[in-house]
C-alpha atoms as a PDB file:
ATOM      1  CA  MET A   1      93.014 113.969  73.481  1.00  0.00           C
ATOM      2  CA  THR A   2      95.618 112.415  75.740  1.00  0.00           C
ATOM      3  CA  MET A   3      94.651 110.060  78.544  1.00  0.00           C
ATOM      4  CA  LYS A   4      95.975 112.626  81.030  1.00  0.00           C
ATOM      5  CA  ALA A   5      93.722 115.336  79.548  1.00  0.00           C
ATOM      6  CA  LYS A   6      90.767 112.938  79.538  1.00  0.00           C
ATOM      7  CA  GLY A   7      91.420 112.101  83.189  1.00  0.00           C
ATOM      8  CA  SER A   8      91.668 115.778  84.171  1.00  0.00           C
ATOM      9  CA  ARG A   9      88.440 116.564  82.351  1.00  0.00           C
ATOM     10  CA  SER A  10      86.675 113.678  84.075  1.00  0.00           C
ATOM     11  CA  GLU A  11      87.959 114.819  87.477  1.00  0.00           C
ATOM     12  CA  ARG A  12      86.637 118.348  86.841  1.00  0.00           C
ATOM     13  CA  GLU A  13      83.302 116.870  85.759  1.00  0.00           C
ATOM     14  CA  LEU A  14      83.047 114.913  89.015  1.00  0.00           C
ATOM     15  CA  VAL A  15      83.882 118.000  91.098  1.00  0.00           C
ATOM     16  CA  HIS A  16      81.130 119.902  89.275  1.00  0.00           C
ATOM     17  CA  MET A  17      78.673 117.059  89.917  1.00  0.00           C
ATOM     18  CA  PHE A  18      79.355 117.234  93.667  1.00  0.00           C
ATOM     19  CA  ASN A  19      79.282 121.036  93.814  1.00  0.00           C
ATOM     20  CA  SER A  20      76.031 121.237  91.826  1.00  0.00           C
ATOM     21  CA  THR A  21      74.177 119.225  94.512  1.00  0.00           C
ATOM     22  CA  GLY A  22      74.122 122.283  96.765  1.00  0.00           C
ATOM     23  CA  ILE A  23      74.960 119.987  99.700  1.00  0.00           C
ATOM     24  CA  TRP A  24      78.422 118.731  98.806  1.00  0.00           C
ATOM     25  CA  SER A  25      81.626 120.619  98.109  1.00  0.00           C
ATOM     26  CA  ALA A  26      84.509 119.089  96.199  1.00  0.00           C
ATOM     27  CA  VAL A  27      87.968 120.013  94.987  1.00  0.00           C
ATOM     28  CA  ARG A  28      90.332 118.462  92.495  1.00  0.00           C
ATOM     29  CA  ILE A  29      93.815 117.848  93.839  1.00  0.00           C
ATOM     30  CA  ALA A  30      96.167 119.235  91.196  1.00  0.00           C
ATOM     31  CA  GLY A  31      99.155 117.025  90.514  1.00  0.00           C
ATOM     32  CA  SER A  32      97.753 114.018  92.333  1.00  0.00           C
ATOM     33  CA  GLY A  33      99.684 110.938  91.343  1.00  0.00           C
ATOM     34  CA  LEU A  34     102.720 113.017  90.375  1.00  0.00           C
ATOM     35  CA  THR A  35     104.256 113.404  93.815  1.00  0.00           C
ATOM     36  CA  LYS A  36     105.780 110.937  96.238  1.00  0.00           C
ATOM     37  CA  ASP A  37     103.062 111.906  98.721  1.00  0.00           C
ATOM     38  CA  PRO A  38      99.927 109.972  97.808  1.00  0.00           C
ATOM     39  CA  ASN A  39      96.871 112.146  97.223  1.00  0.00           C
ATOM     40  CA  PRO A  40      93.424 111.360  95.867  1.00  0.00           C
ATOM     41  CA  ASP A  41      92.237 112.997  92.657  1.00  0.00           C
ATOM     42  CA  VAL A  42      89.117 114.467  94.271  1.00  0.00           C
ATOM     43  CA  LEU A  43      88.151 115.314  97.845  1.00  0.00           C
ATOM     44  CA  ALA A  44      84.448 115.794  98.550  1.00  0.00           C
ATOM     45  CA  GLY A  45      82.588 116.527 101.757  1.00  0.00           C
ATOM     46  CA  ASN A  46      79.231 117.602 103.138  1.00  0.00           C
ATOM     47  CA  ASN A  47      80.038 118.423 106.787  1.00  0.00           C
ATOM     48  CA  LEU A  48      79.080 114.878 107.791  1.00  0.00           C
ATOM     49  CA  ARG A  49      81.226 112.778 105.508  1.00  0.00           C
ATOM     50  CA  TYR A  50      84.431 113.133 103.544  1.00  0.00           C
ATOM     51  CA  LEU A  51      85.296 111.145 100.440  1.00  0.00           C
ATOM     52  CA  ALA A  52      88.745 110.653  98.941  1.00  0.00           C
ATOM     53  CA  ILE A  53      88.256 109.530  95.357  1.00  0.00           C
ATOM     54  CA  GLU A  54      90.819 108.131  92.954  1.00  0.00           C
ATOM     55  CA  CYS A  55      89.378 108.711  89.475  1.00  0.00           C
ATOM     56  CA  LYS A  56      89.831 106.631  86.358  1.00  0.00           C
ATOM     57  CA  ALA A  57      88.371 107.313  82.904  1.00  0.00           C
ATOM     58  CA  VAL A  58      88.582 104.489  80.382  1.00  0.00           C
ATOM     59  CA  LYS A  59      87.606 103.786  76.782  1.00  0.00           C
ATOM     60  CA  SER A  60      87.745 100.012  77.217  1.00  0.00           C
ATOM     61  CA  THR A  61      85.617  97.782  79.444  1.00  0.00           C
ATOM     62  CA  SER A  62      88.292  97.255  82.093  1.00  0.00           C
ATOM     63  CA  LYS A  63      90.917  99.130  84.070  1.00  0.00           C
ATOM     64  CA  TYR A  64      93.903  97.557  85.798  1.00  0.00           C
ATOM     65  CA  LEU A  65      95.304  99.059  88.999  1.00  0.00           C
ATOM     66  CA  TYR A  66      98.605  98.488  90.731  1.00  0.00           C
ATOM     67  CA  PRO A  67      98.362  97.323  94.354  1.00  0.00           C
ATOM     68  CA  GLU A  68     100.269 100.500  95.342  1.00  0.00           C
ATOM     69  CA  GLU A  69      97.432 102.652  93.932  1.00  0.00           C
ATOM     70  CA  VAL A  70      94.913 100.788  96.057  1.00  0.00           C
ATOM     71  CA  ASP A  71      97.119 100.940  99.167  1.00  0.00           C
ATOM     72  CA  GLN A  72      97.821 104.646  98.712  1.00  0.00           C
ATOM     73  CA  ILE A  73      94.165 105.723  98.570  1.00  0.00           C
ATOM     74  CA  ALA A  74      93.324 103.471 101.520  1.00  0.00           C
ATOM     75  CA  ASN A  75      96.226 104.810 103.601  1.00  0.00           C
ATOM     76  CA  PHE A  76      95.592 108.463 102.707  1.00  0.00           C
ATOM     77  CA  SER A  77      91.898 108.109 103.528  1.00  0.00           C
ATOM     78  CA  LYS A  78      92.585 106.496 106.875  1.00  0.00           C
ATOM     79  CA  ARG A  79      94.988 109.274 107.898  1.00  0.00           C
ATOM     80  CA  PHE A  80      92.751 112.037 106.542  1.00  0.00           C
ATOM     81  CA  GLY A  81      89.539 110.687 108.053  1.00  0.00           C
ATOM     82  CA  ALA A  82      87.823 110.164 104.701  1.00  0.00           C
ATOM     83  CA  GLU A  83      86.191 107.234 102.974  1.00  0.00           C
ATOM     84  CA  ALA A  84      88.308 105.726 100.202  1.00  0.00           C
ATOM     85  CA  TRP A  85      86.604 105.285  96.826  1.00  0.00           C
ATOM     86  CA  PHE A  86      87.583 104.518  93.272  1.00  0.00           C
ATOM     87  CA  GLY A  87      85.487 106.424  90.756  1.00  0.00           C
ATOM     88  CA  ILE A  88      85.592 104.964  87.273  1.00  0.00           C
ATOM     89  CA  LYS A  89      83.975 106.448  84.220  1.00  0.00           C
ATOM     90  CA  PHE A  90      83.451 104.152  81.276  1.00  0.00           C
ATOM     91  CA  ASN A  91      82.868 105.861  77.908  1.00  0.00           C
ATOM     92  CA  ASN A  92      79.151 106.586  77.441  1.00  0.00           C
ATOM     93  CA  LYS A  93      78.248 104.612  80.575  1.00  0.00           C
ATOM     94  CA  GLY A  94      78.689 107.196  83.333  1.00  0.00           C
ATOM     95  CA  TRP A  95      80.391 106.998  86.710  1.00  0.00           C
ATOM     96  CA  PHE A  96      80.624 103.999  89.038  1.00  0.00           C
ATOM     97  CA  PHE A  97      82.098 104.012  92.535  1.00  0.00           C
ATOM     98  CA  LEU A  98      83.728 101.116  94.376  1.00  0.00           C
ATOM     99  CA  LYS A  99      85.505 100.836  97.698  1.00  0.00           C
ATOM    100  CA  PRO A 100      89.037  99.387  97.635  1.00  0.00           C
ATOM    101  CA  GLU A 101      87.861  96.210  99.335  1.00  0.00           C
ATOM    102  CA  GLN A 102      85.407  95.606  96.464  1.00  0.00           C
ATOM    103  CA  LEU A 103      88.191  95.351  93.889  1.00  0.00           C
ATOM    104  CA  ASN A 104      89.084  91.987  92.419  1.00  0.00           C
ATOM    105  CA  LYS A 105      92.547  90.670  91.643  1.00  0.00           C
ATOM    106  CA  SER A 106      93.384  90.039  88.001  1.00  0.00           C
ATOM    107  CA  ARG A 107      93.945  86.505  86.702  1.00  0.00           C
ATOM    108  CA  SER A 108      97.684  86.932  87.189  1.00  0.00           C
ATOM    109  CA  ASN A 109      96.876  88.007  90.770  1.00  0.00           C
ATOM    110  CA  ASN A 110      99.429  90.845  90.780  1.00  0.00           C
ATOM    111  CA  LEU A 111      97.051  93.646  89.717  1.00  0.00           C
ATOM    112  CA  PHE A 112      93.541  94.707  90.598  1.00  0.00           C
ATOM    113  CA  VAL A 113      90.965  94.971  87.843  1.00  0.00           C
ATOM    114  CA  ILE A 114      87.710  96.893  87.549  1.00  0.00           C
ATOM    115  CA  THR A 115      85.542  95.679  84.690  1.00  0.00           C
ATOM    116  CA  PHE A 116      82.353  97.307  83.481  1.00  0.00           C
ATOM    117  CA  ASP A 117      80.402  94.206  84.526  1.00  0.00           C
ATOM    118  CA  ILE A 118      81.776  94.357  88.080  1.00  0.00           C
ATOM    119  CA  ALA A 119      81.256  98.116  88.329  1.00  0.00           C
ATOM    120  CA  ASN A 120      77.714  97.831  87.000  1.00  0.00           C
ATOM    121  CA  LYS A 121      76.826  94.988  89.373  1.00  0.00           C
ATOM    122  CA  GLU A 122      78.692  95.937  92.556  1.00  0.00           C
ATOM    123  CA  GLY A 123      79.487  99.622  92.157  1.00  0.00           C
ATOM    124  CA  LEU A 124      77.350 102.617  93.013  1.00  0.00           C
ATOM    125  CA  SER A 125      76.109 105.285  90.641  1.00  0.00           C
ATOM    126  CA  PHE A 126      76.756 108.908  91.624  1.00  0.00           C
ATOM    127  CA  ASP A 127      73.239 109.262  93.065  1.00  0.00           C
ATOM    128  CA  ASP A 128      73.573 105.964  94.914  1.00  0.00           C
ATOM    129  CA  LEU A 129      76.959 107.052  96.275  1.00  0.00           C
ATOM    130  CA  LEU A 130      75.381 110.161  97.769  1.00  0.00           C
ATOM    131  CA  GLY A 131      72.500 108.110  99.168  1.00  0.00           C
ATOM    132  CA  GLU A 132      74.898 105.463 100.517  1.00  0.00           C
ATOM    133  CA  VAL A 133      77.013 108.073 102.199  1.00  0.00           C
ATOM    134  CA  ILE A 134      74.000 109.826 103.727  1.00  0.00           C
ATOM    135  CA  LYS A 135      72.466 106.496 104.772  1.00  0.00           C
ATOM    136  CA  ASP A 136      75.730 105.374 106.402  1.00  0.00           C
ATOM    137  CA  GLY A 137      76.139 108.719 108.165  1.00  0.00           C
END
């Protein structure tokens, strides 16, 4: 399976997770990342809050992000009126969610990096994300 197919499958899984709550609705933005207009991979909302989520699915224990990716989700979210989140799914470990400001720079300082350890310590699980969003609302 290609990384693109794995990413699409993970995005559809996340949409289903939101929609199965009975409270949230979510859609996958087809072609996100392929156009010059920045779009998140998933938009989710519950009439009180709106989340713009950039999704990443990885086999390894870390994922590197270009600063432009982080800026784009932050800028889109601000204009759209949504909260910006990075959702990362590590193989056999489930989903973790981090805000752009929680991301750390890599050692070379020109990329951002999300490691499993950081996601596990500082990120939110799906259930915690929903609770965090409701609590903050």
